[in-house]
Structures are given as structure tokens and as C-alpha cells.
N, C-alpha and C. Protein backbone atom coordinates (compact mmCIF):
# COMPACT_ATOMS: atom_id res chain seq x y z
N MET A 1 -69.42 6.87 -1.23
CA MET A 1 -68.97 5.98 -0.16
C MET A 1 -68.18 4.73 -0.81
N TYR A 2 -67.08 4.41 -0.24
CA TYR A 2 -66.39 3.24 -0.65
C TYR A 2 -66.66 2.14 0.25
N PRO A 3 -66.54 0.78 -0.17
CA PRO A 3 -66.81 -0.36 0.67
C PRO A 3 -65.76 -0.47 1.55
N LEU A 4 -66.10 -0.95 2.82
CA LEU A 4 -65.10 -1.01 3.87
C LEU A 4 -63.89 -2.07 3.50
N SER A 5 -64.26 -3.12 2.76
CA SER A 5 -63.27 -4.07 2.36
C SER A 5 -62.19 -3.42 1.33
N GLY A 6 -62.62 -2.49 0.61
CA GLY A 6 -61.76 -1.93 -0.34
C GLY A 6 -60.80 -0.87 0.40
N VAL A 7 -61.33 -0.18 1.40
CA VAL A 7 -60.57 0.82 2.15
C VAL A 7 -59.66 -0.03 3.01
N LEU A 8 -60.01 -1.13 3.64
CA LEU A 8 -59.02 -1.84 4.40
C LEU A 8 -57.97 -2.50 3.64
N TYR A 9 -58.19 -2.90 2.34
CA TYR A 9 -57.33 -3.42 1.34
C TYR A 9 -56.24 -2.38 1.06
N GLU A 10 -56.71 -1.09 0.77
CA GLU A 10 -55.80 0.01 0.38
C GLU A 10 -54.96 0.20 1.57
N THR A 11 -55.41 0.32 2.88
CA THR A 11 -54.69 0.72 4.01
C THR A 11 -53.60 -0.34 4.36
N CYS A 12 -54.12 -1.60 4.31
CA CYS A 12 -53.14 -2.73 4.62
C CYS A 12 -52.03 -2.87 3.54
N SER A 13 -52.48 -2.64 2.36
CA SER A 13 -51.49 -2.68 1.26
C SER A 13 -50.40 -1.52 1.38
N ALA A 14 -50.92 -0.35 1.94
CA ALA A 14 -49.99 0.81 2.09
C ALA A 14 -49.01 0.53 3.30
N ILE A 15 -49.50 0.05 4.40
CA ILE A 15 -48.66 -0.26 5.49
C ILE A 15 -47.74 -1.43 5.19
N GLY A 16 -48.16 -2.35 4.55
CA GLY A 16 -47.35 -3.51 4.23
C GLY A 16 -46.41 -3.25 2.99
N THR A 17 -46.55 -2.09 2.41
CA THR A 17 -45.68 -1.69 1.19
C THR A 17 -45.71 -2.81 0.10
N VAL A 18 -46.90 -3.32 -0.03
CA VAL A 18 -47.14 -4.39 -1.03
C VAL A 18 -47.10 -4.01 -2.54
N GLY A 19 -47.64 -2.78 -2.66
CA GLY A 19 -47.68 -2.26 -4.11
C GLY A 19 -49.02 -2.64 -4.86
N LEU A 20 -50.03 -3.23 -4.15
CA LEU A 20 -51.18 -3.61 -4.70
C LEU A 20 -52.21 -2.50 -4.40
N THR A 21 -53.23 -2.45 -5.32
CA THR A 21 -54.24 -1.36 -4.94
C THR A 21 -55.58 -1.93 -5.53
N ALA A 22 -56.67 -1.41 -4.86
CA ALA A 22 -58.08 -1.75 -5.42
C ALA A 22 -58.63 -0.68 -6.24
N ASP A 23 -57.74 0.12 -6.75
CA ASP A 23 -58.14 1.35 -7.58
C ASP A 23 -58.98 2.29 -6.87
N LEU A 24 -58.76 2.46 -5.65
CA LEU A 24 -59.54 3.55 -4.98
C LEU A 24 -58.72 4.80 -4.80
N THR A 25 -57.33 4.59 -4.77
CA THR A 25 -56.48 5.77 -4.40
C THR A 25 -56.73 6.99 -5.47
N PRO A 26 -56.79 6.74 -6.74
CA PRO A 26 -56.98 7.89 -7.63
C PRO A 26 -58.29 8.67 -7.42
N ASP A 27 -59.31 7.93 -6.86
CA ASP A 27 -60.59 8.63 -6.60
C ASP A 27 -60.64 9.33 -5.36
N LEU A 28 -59.67 9.09 -4.45
CA LEU A 28 -59.74 9.65 -3.07
C LEU A 28 -59.34 11.18 -3.07
N ALA A 29 -59.84 11.84 -2.08
CA ALA A 29 -59.57 13.33 -1.98
C ALA A 29 -58.08 13.41 -1.59
N ARG A 30 -57.60 14.70 -1.69
CA ARG A 30 -56.19 14.85 -1.52
C ARG A 30 -55.71 14.60 -0.02
N GLY A 31 -56.61 14.88 0.87
CA GLY A 31 -56.28 14.49 2.17
C GLY A 31 -56.16 13.06 2.52
N SER A 32 -57.04 12.30 1.94
CA SER A 32 -57.00 10.87 2.04
C SER A 32 -55.88 10.24 1.35
N GLN A 33 -55.38 10.86 0.23
CA GLN A 33 -54.20 10.33 -0.42
C GLN A 33 -53.02 10.72 0.35
N ALA A 34 -53.02 11.83 1.05
CA ALA A 34 -51.84 12.09 2.01
C ALA A 34 -51.82 11.09 3.13
N VAL A 35 -52.91 10.75 3.62
CA VAL A 35 -52.95 9.61 4.70
C VAL A 35 -52.30 8.33 4.23
N ILE A 36 -52.74 7.96 2.94
CA ILE A 36 -52.17 6.66 2.33
C ILE A 36 -50.70 6.89 2.24
N MET A 37 -50.19 8.08 1.78
CA MET A 37 -48.73 8.20 1.66
C MET A 37 -48.07 8.16 3.05
N VAL A 38 -48.58 8.67 4.08
CA VAL A 38 -48.09 8.63 5.43
C VAL A 38 -48.01 7.12 5.89
N LEU A 39 -49.05 6.40 5.57
CA LEU A 39 -49.17 4.96 5.88
C LEU A 39 -48.03 4.13 5.08
N MET A 40 -47.81 4.58 3.90
CA MET A 40 -46.67 3.93 3.09
C MET A 40 -45.31 4.23 3.78
N TYR A 41 -45.05 5.54 4.22
CA TYR A 41 -43.76 5.72 4.94
C TYR A 41 -43.71 4.99 6.28
N ILE A 42 -44.78 4.86 7.02
CA ILE A 42 -44.75 4.22 8.24
C ILE A 42 -44.44 2.67 8.05
N GLY A 43 -44.97 2.13 6.98
CA GLY A 43 -44.84 0.74 6.62
C GLY A 43 -43.42 0.49 6.22
N ARG A 44 -42.78 1.51 5.47
CA ARG A 44 -41.33 1.36 5.02
C ARG A 44 -40.47 1.51 6.17
N ILE A 45 -40.73 2.42 7.15
CA ILE A 45 -39.83 2.49 8.40
C ILE A 45 -40.10 1.20 9.24
N GLY A 46 -41.24 0.80 9.43
CA GLY A 46 -41.49 -0.38 10.15
C GLY A 46 -42.06 0.08 11.57
N PRO A 47 -43.04 -0.64 12.00
CA PRO A 47 -43.65 -0.37 13.28
C PRO A 47 -42.69 -0.68 14.47
N MET A 48 -41.89 -1.71 14.37
CA MET A 48 -40.95 -1.94 15.43
C MET A 48 -39.94 -0.79 15.54
N THR A 49 -39.50 -0.36 14.53
CA THR A 49 -38.45 0.85 14.48
C THR A 49 -39.06 2.11 15.17
N LEU A 50 -40.52 2.37 14.84
CA LEU A 50 -41.09 3.51 15.41
C LEU A 50 -41.30 3.25 16.90
N THR A 51 -41.64 1.99 17.37
CA THR A 51 -41.78 1.76 18.78
C THR A 51 -40.48 1.89 19.46
N LEU A 52 -39.39 1.42 18.95
CA LEU A 52 -38.09 1.60 19.65
C LEU A 52 -37.66 3.03 19.63
N LEU A 53 -38.08 3.79 18.56
CA LEU A 53 -37.61 5.25 18.59
C LEU A 53 -38.30 6.07 19.58
N PHE A 54 -39.59 5.83 19.78
CA PHE A 54 -40.32 6.70 20.64
C PHE A 54 -40.56 6.16 22.05
N GLY A 55 -40.33 4.80 22.21
CA GLY A 55 -40.55 4.17 23.56
C GLY A 55 -39.23 3.88 24.19
N GLY A 56 -39.33 3.98 25.52
CA GLY A 56 -38.17 3.44 26.41
C GLY A 56 -37.09 4.47 26.38
N ARG A 57 -37.24 5.67 26.34
CA ARG A 57 -36.19 6.81 26.49
C ARG A 57 -35.48 6.77 27.78
N ALA A 58 -36.09 6.43 28.83
CA ALA A 58 -35.53 6.68 30.08
C ALA A 58 -34.44 5.59 30.38
N LYS A 59 -33.27 6.04 30.88
CA LYS A 59 -32.31 5.08 31.20
C LYS A 59 -32.44 4.67 32.65
N GLN A 60 -32.45 3.36 32.88
CA GLN A 60 -32.63 2.86 34.09
C GLN A 60 -31.19 2.33 34.68
N LYS A 61 -30.98 2.81 35.90
CA LYS A 61 -29.64 2.54 36.45
C LYS A 61 -29.39 0.99 36.64
N GLY A 62 -28.23 0.53 36.29
CA GLY A 62 -27.88 -0.82 36.35
C GLY A 62 -28.15 -1.63 35.04
N LEU A 63 -28.78 -1.05 34.05
CA LEU A 63 -28.99 -1.77 32.93
C LEU A 63 -28.23 -1.34 31.70
N GLU A 64 -27.24 -0.54 31.95
CA GLU A 64 -26.27 -0.16 30.85
C GLU A 64 -25.42 -1.33 30.46
N ARG A 65 -24.98 -1.33 29.29
CA ARG A 65 -24.06 -2.46 28.86
C ARG A 65 -22.58 -1.95 28.81
N GLU A 66 -21.70 -2.88 29.17
CA GLU A 66 -20.35 -2.56 29.08
C GLU A 66 -19.65 -3.10 27.83
N LEU A 67 -18.85 -2.33 27.30
CA LEU A 67 -18.14 -2.76 26.02
C LEU A 67 -16.93 -3.64 26.40
N PRO A 68 -16.59 -4.68 25.62
CA PRO A 68 -15.39 -5.46 25.89
C PRO A 68 -14.15 -4.70 25.95
N THR A 69 -13.29 -5.04 26.88
CA THR A 69 -11.99 -4.35 26.95
C THR A 69 -10.84 -4.96 26.12
N GLN A 70 -10.99 -6.24 25.75
CA GLN A 70 -9.99 -7.05 24.99
C GLN A 70 -10.36 -7.03 23.61
N ARG A 71 -9.30 -7.21 22.69
CA ARG A 71 -9.52 -7.27 21.28
C ARG A 71 -9.89 -8.72 20.95
N VAL A 72 -10.82 -8.74 20.08
CA VAL A 72 -11.37 -10.09 19.64
C VAL A 72 -10.78 -10.38 18.30
N MET A 73 -10.03 -11.58 18.11
CA MET A 73 -9.51 -11.93 16.83
C MET A 73 -10.66 -12.54 16.00
N VAL A 74 -10.74 -12.07 14.72
CA VAL A 74 -11.74 -12.55 13.77
C VAL A 74 -10.84 -13.08 12.63
N GLY A 75 -11.39 -14.33 12.15
CA GLY A 75 -10.76 -14.94 10.96
C GLY A 75 -9.58 -15.81 11.12
């Protein structure tokens, strides 16, 4: 059994993509290491990106944006 503080440290470090470890990862089973790897990918992609990707797919009438029709001079 691992202490809860060490496990929380590992998971928060994985999600935050910090790169720090409490030296628990090498001792974990393969399934637990896979969970840590998935958490690292989730942290890399970002929770907000995942939320925007999977949430709010329905288009609501009247909320579409219109592109500008005139050319904008820059510089």
C-alpha cells in the first residue's frame, strides 16, 4: 500500500505535466502506469480543450457568427 499523499502527488504531477515524482511510478503495476500515462496526456492536452471538444456540440439558432465582408488593412 502506498500513502495517499504520495499517490496524490504522482497524479497531480502527471496532470500538471510538472515532471516531478515521488518515486512511486517504477513500483506501480503496468495498469497503474498506464493510468499515469493517460493522465499525462490529458494534462498535456488540457482540461479546457477536452471540455470544449466534447461539450456544446449542438448549434443553437441565432448564435452563429458572421464573418466580416470588408477587407481590413493591417500595418
